[in-house]
């Protein structure tokens, strides 16, 4: 039901929802406790300085291309697969990437709701 509402929203609302998400591998003090835990599960809290620089650069490229942060259901990935998805999705059209980001938000919502009821 929640995802149906999101999927039925207009583009302005979808973009607002996507833009509310943090970038990956940012300082943990700007993340919610849920985001901290999820990013920790993919070891994004333990990046080397070169890995942190790589994430910062790809975050920048992605935001420049699409105008919103890269969103992925981190729980389903590790560092390598996150970076692989970043690179692959940089080649998407704007419409395809908006759709992909919304799909990832639905996955994140599913896992977070599951945590609340489990």
N, C-alpha and C. Protein backbone atom coordinates (compact mmCIF):
# COMPACT_ATOMS: atom_id res chain seq x y z
N UNK A 1 0.81 -1.19 0.00
CA UNK A 1 0.00 0.00 0.00
C UNK A 1 0.86 1.26 0.00
N UNK A 2 1.87 1.31 0.89
CA UNK A 2 2.75 2.46 0.96
C UNK A 2 3.42 2.70 -0.39
N UNK A 3 3.94 1.66 -0.98
CA UNK A 3 4.63 1.82 -2.26
C UNK A 3 3.65 2.19 -3.37
N UNK A 4 2.42 1.74 -3.29
CA UNK A 4 1.43 2.14 -4.29
C UNK A 4 1.20 3.65 -4.24
N UNK A 5 1.17 4.20 -3.03
CA UNK A 5 1.00 5.65 -2.89
C UNK A 5 2.20 6.37 -3.50
N UNK A 6 3.38 5.89 -3.20
CA UNK A 6 4.60 6.51 -3.74
C UNK A 6 4.62 6.40 -5.26
N UNK A 7 4.34 5.21 -5.77
CA UNK A 7 4.36 5.01 -7.22
C UNK A 7 3.32 5.87 -7.93
N UNK A 8 2.21 6.17 -7.25
CA UNK A 8 1.16 6.98 -7.84
C UNK A 8 1.37 8.48 -7.69
N UNK A 9 2.41 8.86 -6.97
CA UNK A 9 2.68 10.29 -6.76
C UNK A 9 3.18 10.95 -8.04
N UNK A 10 3.03 12.26 -8.12
CA UNK A 10 3.55 12.98 -9.28
C UNK A 10 5.07 13.10 -9.16
N UNK A 11 5.70 13.51 -10.24
CA UNK A 11 7.17 13.54 -10.29
C UNK A 11 7.75 14.49 -9.25
N UNK A 12 7.10 15.60 -8.97
CA UNK A 12 7.60 16.55 -7.98
C UNK A 12 7.71 15.90 -6.61
N UNK A 13 6.69 15.15 -6.24
CA UNK A 13 6.71 14.47 -4.93
C UNK A 13 7.71 13.34 -4.90
N UNK A 14 7.83 12.61 -6.00
CA UNK A 14 8.83 11.54 -6.06
C UNK A 14 10.23 12.12 -5.90
N UNK A 15 10.49 13.22 -6.60
CA UNK A 15 11.81 13.85 -6.48
C UNK A 15 12.08 14.33 -5.06
N UNK A 16 11.07 14.89 -4.41
CA UNK A 16 11.24 15.35 -3.03
C UNK A 16 11.59 14.17 -2.12
N UNK A 17 10.93 13.04 -2.32
CA UNK A 17 11.21 11.86 -1.53
C UNK A 17 12.64 11.36 -1.75
N UNK A 18 13.05 11.30 -3.00
CA UNK A 18 14.41 10.84 -3.31
C UNK A 18 15.43 11.81 -2.71
N UNK A 19 15.20 13.10 -2.87
CA UNK A 19 16.15 14.10 -2.36
C UNK A 19 16.24 14.13 -0.85
N UNK A 20 15.29 13.52 -0.15
CA UNK A 20 15.35 13.45 1.31
C UNK A 20 16.33 12.39 1.80
N UNK A 21 16.81 11.55 0.90
CA UNK A 21 17.75 10.49 1.28
C UNK A 21 19.17 11.02 1.32
N UNK A 22 19.97 10.49 2.26
CA UNK A 22 21.37 10.93 2.34
C UNK A 22 22.22 10.25 1.27
N UNK A 23 23.34 10.87 0.98
CA UNK A 23 24.31 10.20 0.11
C UNK A 23 24.97 9.07 0.90
N UNK A 24 25.60 8.18 0.19
CA UNK A 24 26.28 7.06 0.83
C UNK A 24 27.68 7.46 1.27
N UNK A 25 28.11 6.84 2.36
CA UNK A 25 29.47 7.00 2.88
C UNK A 25 29.75 8.44 3.30
N UNK A 26 28.77 9.07 3.92
CA UNK A 26 28.94 10.41 4.46
C UNK A 26 29.19 10.29 5.96
N UNK A 27 29.62 11.36 6.62
CA UNK A 27 29.83 11.28 8.07
C UNK A 27 28.56 10.81 8.78
N UNK A 28 28.70 9.89 9.72
CA UNK A 28 27.53 9.28 10.36
C UNK A 28 26.69 10.25 11.18
N UNK A 29 27.24 11.39 11.58
CA UNK A 29 26.47 12.31 12.42
C UNK A 29 25.32 12.98 11.67
N UNK A 30 25.29 12.86 10.33
CA UNK A 30 24.18 13.44 9.57
C UNK A 30 23.16 12.38 9.14
N UNK A 31 23.37 11.14 9.59
CA UNK A 31 22.48 10.03 9.22
C UNK A 31 21.50 9.71 10.34
N UNK A 32 20.34 9.20 9.95
CA UNK A 32 19.42 8.66 10.95
C UNK A 32 20.01 7.38 11.50
N UNK A 33 19.50 6.92 12.62
CA UNK A 33 20.01 5.67 13.19
C UNK A 33 19.81 4.50 12.22
N UNK A 34 18.69 4.51 11.50
CA UNK A 34 18.43 3.44 10.52
C UNK A 34 19.47 3.47 9.40
N UNK A 35 19.75 4.65 8.87
CA UNK A 35 20.74 4.78 7.79
C UNK A 35 22.12 4.39 8.27
N UNK A 36 22.47 4.78 9.50
CA UNK A 36 23.78 4.40 10.06
C UNK A 36 23.91 2.89 10.09
N UNK A 37 22.88 2.23 10.60
CA UNK A 37 22.91 0.77 10.71
C UNK A 37 23.01 0.12 9.33
N UNK A 38 22.23 0.62 8.39
CA UNK A 38 22.24 0.04 7.04
C UNK A 38 23.60 0.25 6.37
N UNK A 39 24.15 1.45 6.49
CA UNK A 39 25.45 1.70 5.86
C UNK A 39 26.56 0.90 6.55
N UNK A 40 26.41 0.72 7.85
CA UNK A 40 27.38 -0.11 8.59
C UNK A 40 27.33 -1.56 8.10
N UNK A 41 26.13 -2.05 7.76
CA UNK A 41 25.99 -3.44 7.30
C UNK A 41 26.76 -3.70 6.01
N UNK A 42 27.01 -2.64 5.24
CA UNK A 42 27.79 -2.78 4.00
C UNK A 42 29.22 -2.26 4.19
N UNK A 43 29.61 -2.07 5.45
CA UNK A 43 30.96 -1.60 5.80
C UNK A 43 31.27 -0.20 5.27
N UNK A 44 30.26 0.60 5.03
CA UNK A 44 30.50 1.95 4.53
C UNK A 44 31.01 2.87 5.63
N UNK A 45 30.96 2.40 6.85
CA UNK A 45 31.49 3.17 7.98
C UNK A 45 32.97 2.91 8.21
N UNK A 46 33.53 1.98 7.43
CA UNK A 46 34.93 1.60 7.61
C UNK A 46 35.73 1.71 6.30
N UNK A 47 35.51 2.79 5.58
CA UNK A 47 36.19 2.98 4.31
C UNK A 47 37.58 3.55 4.53
N UNK A 48 38.50 3.15 3.67
CA UNK A 48 39.82 3.77 3.68
C UNK A 48 39.67 5.18 3.09
N UNK A 49 40.69 5.99 3.22
CA UNK A 49 40.61 7.35 2.68
C UNK A 49 40.43 7.33 1.16
N UNK A 50 41.05 6.38 0.47
CA UNK A 50 40.87 6.32 -0.98
C UNK A 50 39.46 5.85 -1.35
N UNK A 51 38.91 4.91 -0.59
CA UNK A 51 37.53 4.46 -0.83
C UNK A 51 36.54 5.60 -0.55
N UNK A 52 36.77 6.35 0.52
CA UNK A 52 35.91 7.48 0.86
C UNK A 52 35.94 8.51 -0.27
N UNK A 53 37.14 8.76 -0.82
CA UNK A 53 37.28 9.70 -1.94
C UNK A 53 36.54 9.18 -3.17
N UNK A 54 36.61 7.88 -3.41
CA UNK A 54 35.89 7.28 -4.55
C UNK A 54 34.38 7.46 -4.39
N UNK A 55 33.87 7.20 -3.21
CA UNK A 55 32.44 7.39 -2.96
C UNK A 55 32.06 8.86 -3.11
N UNK A 56 32.89 9.76 -2.60
CA UNK A 56 32.59 11.19 -2.72
C UNK A 56 32.52 11.60 -4.18
N UNK A 57 33.44 11.11 -4.99
CA UNK A 57 33.46 11.47 -6.41
C UNK A 57 32.25 10.89 -7.15
N UNK A 58 31.93 9.65 -6.89
CA UNK A 58 30.81 9.05 -7.60
C UNK A 58 29.47 9.63 -7.11
N UNK A 59 29.39 9.99 -5.82
CA UNK A 59 28.22 10.72 -5.33
C UNK A 59 28.05 12.03 -6.09
N UNK A 60 29.17 12.74 -6.28
CA UNK A 60 29.14 14.03 -6.98
C UNK A 60 28.70 13.85 -8.43
N UNK A 61 29.28 12.89 -9.12
CA UNK A 61 28.93 12.64 -10.52
C UNK A 61 27.45 12.29 -10.67
N UNK A 62 26.99 11.45 -9.77
CA UNK A 62 25.59 11.01 -9.82
C UNK A 62 24.65 12.18 -9.58
N UNK A 63 24.93 12.98 -8.54
CA UNK A 63 24.07 14.12 -8.22
C UNK A 63 24.08 15.14 -9.36
N UNK A 64 25.23 15.36 -9.96
CA UNK A 64 25.30 16.28 -11.10
C UNK A 64 24.47 15.78 -12.27
N UNK A 65 24.49 14.49 -12.50
CA UNK A 65 23.76 13.92 -13.65
C UNK A 65 22.25 13.92 -13.42
N UNK A 66 21.81 13.55 -12.20
CA UNK A 66 20.38 13.34 -11.97
C UNK A 66 19.71 14.38 -11.07
N UNK A 67 20.49 15.12 -10.30
CA UNK A 67 19.90 16.14 -9.44
C UNK A 67 19.36 15.61 -8.13
N UNK A 68 19.70 14.38 -7.80
CA UNK A 68 19.31 13.79 -6.51
C UNK A 68 20.35 12.75 -6.12
N UNK A 69 20.37 12.36 -4.83
CA UNK A 69 21.37 11.38 -4.39
C UNK A 69 21.07 9.97 -4.89
N UNK A 70 22.11 9.20 -5.02
CA UNK A 70 22.00 7.79 -5.36
C UNK A 70 21.31 7.07 -4.22
N UNK A 71 20.26 6.32 -4.53
CA UNK A 71 19.53 5.56 -3.51
C UNK A 71 19.58 4.09 -3.88
N UNK A 72 19.98 3.30 -2.90
CA UNK A 72 20.03 1.86 -3.09
C UNK A 72 19.71 1.20 -1.75
N UNK A 73 19.06 0.08 -1.79
CA UNK A 73 18.75 -0.66 -0.57
C UNK A 73 20.04 -1.34 -0.12
N UNK A 74 20.79 -0.63 0.71
CA UNK A 74 22.13 -1.05 1.12
C UNK A 74 22.14 -2.44 1.74
N UNK A 75 21.06 -2.81 2.41
CA UNK A 75 21.01 -4.12 3.07
C UNK A 75 21.20 -5.27 2.10
N UNK A 76 20.91 -5.04 0.85
CA UNK A 76 21.02 -6.11 -0.14
C UNK A 76 22.36 -6.10 -0.88
N UNK A 77 23.31 -5.30 -0.38
CA UNK A 77 24.56 -5.11 -1.11
C UNK A 77 25.77 -5.06 -0.19
N UNK A 78 26.93 -5.13 -0.83
CA UNK A 78 28.19 -4.87 -0.15
C UNK A 78 28.86 -3.69 -0.88
N UNK A 79 30.02 -3.28 -0.42
CA UNK A 79 30.68 -2.12 -1.04
C UNK A 79 30.85 -2.28 -2.54
N UNK A 80 31.33 -3.44 -2.95
CA UNK A 80 31.59 -3.66 -4.38
C UNK A 80 30.31 -3.58 -5.20
N UNK A 81 29.26 -4.24 -4.74
CA UNK A 81 28.03 -4.22 -5.53
C UNK A 81 27.38 -2.84 -5.53
N UNK A 82 27.56 -2.08 -4.44
CA UNK A 82 27.06 -0.70 -4.43
C UNK A 82 27.79 0.12 -5.49
N UNK A 83 29.11 0.03 -5.53
CA UNK A 83 29.88 0.77 -6.52
C UNK A 83 29.55 0.30 -7.94
N UNK A 84 29.38 -1.00 -8.13
CA UNK A 84 28.99 -1.52 -9.44
C UNK A 84 27.65 -0.94 -9.88
N UNK A 85 26.69 -0.87 -8.95
CA UNK A 85 25.38 -0.29 -9.26
C UNK A 85 25.49 1.20 -9.55
N UNK A 86 26.30 1.90 -8.78
CA UNK A 86 26.53 3.32 -9.04
C UNK A 86 26.97 3.51 -10.50
N UNK A 87 28.01 2.79 -10.89
CA UNK A 87 28.57 2.95 -12.24
C UNK A 87 27.55 2.57 -13.33
N UNK A 88 26.84 1.48 -13.12
CA UNK A 88 25.85 1.05 -14.11
C UNK A 88 24.72 2.05 -14.22
N UNK A 89 24.23 2.51 -13.08
CA UNK A 89 23.08 3.40 -13.08
C UNK A 89 23.42 4.80 -13.57
N UNK A 90 24.68 5.19 -13.56
CA UNK A 90 25.07 6.48 -14.14
C UNK A 90 24.74 6.53 -15.63
N UNK A 91 24.58 5.37 -16.26
CA UNK A 91 24.26 5.31 -17.69
C UNK A 91 22.77 5.33 -17.97
N UNK A 92 21.95 5.27 -16.93
CA UNK A 92 20.49 5.31 -17.11
C UNK A 92 20.03 6.65 -17.65
N UNK A 93 18.86 6.65 -18.26
CA UNK A 93 18.20 7.91 -18.58
C UNK A 93 17.67 8.49 -17.27
N UNK A 94 17.33 9.75 -17.27
CA UNK A 94 16.80 10.39 -16.06
C UNK A 94 15.51 9.71 -15.61
N UNK A 95 14.63 9.39 -16.55
CA UNK A 95 13.37 8.72 -16.19
C UNK A 95 13.60 7.33 -15.62
N UNK A 96 14.50 6.59 -16.24
CA UNK A 96 14.80 5.24 -15.75
C UNK A 96 15.41 5.29 -14.36
N UNK A 97 16.27 6.27 -14.12
CA UNK A 97 16.91 6.35 -12.82
C UNK A 97 15.94 6.82 -11.74
N UNK A 98 15.04 7.70 -12.07
CA UNK A 98 14.01 8.11 -11.11
C UNK A 98 13.19 6.90 -10.70
N UNK A 99 12.81 6.10 -11.66
CA UNK A 99 12.04 4.88 -11.39
C UNK A 99 12.84 3.91 -10.53
N UNK A 100 14.10 3.74 -10.85
CA UNK A 100 14.96 2.83 -10.09
C UNK A 100 15.10 3.31 -8.65
N UNK A 101 15.31 4.61 -8.46
CA UNK A 101 15.46 5.16 -7.11
C UNK A 101 14.18 4.94 -6.29
N UNK A 102 13.03 5.13 -6.91
CA UNK A 102 11.76 4.90 -6.21
C UNK A 102 11.62 3.42 -5.84
N UNK A 103 11.99 2.53 -6.74
CA UNK A 103 11.95 1.09 -6.43
C UNK A 103 12.84 0.77 -5.23
N UNK A 104 14.02 1.38 -5.18
CA UNK A 104 14.94 1.14 -4.07
C UNK A 104 14.36 1.69 -2.77
N UNK A 105 13.69 2.83 -2.82
CA UNK A 105 13.05 3.39 -1.63
C UNK A 105 11.97 2.44 -1.12
N UNK A 106 11.24 1.83 -2.02
CA UNK A 106 10.22 0.85 -1.60
C UNK A 106 10.86 -0.34 -0.90
N UNK A 107 12.01 -0.79 -1.38
CA UNK A 107 12.72 -1.89 -0.72
C UNK A 107 13.17 -1.46 0.68
N UNK A 108 13.73 -0.26 0.78
CA UNK A 108 14.18 0.25 2.07
C UNK A 108 13.01 0.32 3.05
N UNK A 109 11.88 0.85 2.58
CA UNK A 109 10.69 0.96 3.43
C UNK A 109 10.22 -0.42 3.89
N UNK A 110 10.24 -1.39 2.99
CA UNK A 110 9.83 -2.75 3.35
C UNK A 110 10.68 -3.28 4.51
N UNK A 111 12.00 -3.18 4.38
CA UNK A 111 12.88 -3.71 5.42
C UNK A 111 12.71 -2.94 6.74
N UNK A 112 12.56 -1.63 6.65
CA UNK A 112 12.40 -0.85 7.88
C UNK A 112 11.08 -1.16 8.57
N UNK A 113 10.03 -1.33 7.80
CA UNK A 113 8.74 -1.72 8.41
C UNK A 113 8.83 -3.12 9.00
N UNK A 114 9.50 -4.02 8.30
CA UNK A 114 9.67 -5.38 8.80
C UNK A 114 10.39 -5.35 10.15
N UNK A 115 11.42 -4.52 10.27
CA UNK A 115 12.14 -4.39 11.54
C UNK A 115 11.21 -3.95 12.67
N UNK A 116 10.28 -3.06 12.36
CA UNK A 116 9.37 -2.55 13.38
C UNK A 116 8.38 -3.59 13.86
N UNK A 117 7.99 -4.49 12.97
CA UNK A 117 6.96 -5.47 13.35
C UNK A 117 7.54 -6.83 13.75
N UNK A 118 8.80 -7.05 13.41
CA UNK A 118 9.42 -8.36 13.70
C UNK A 118 9.76 -8.51 15.16
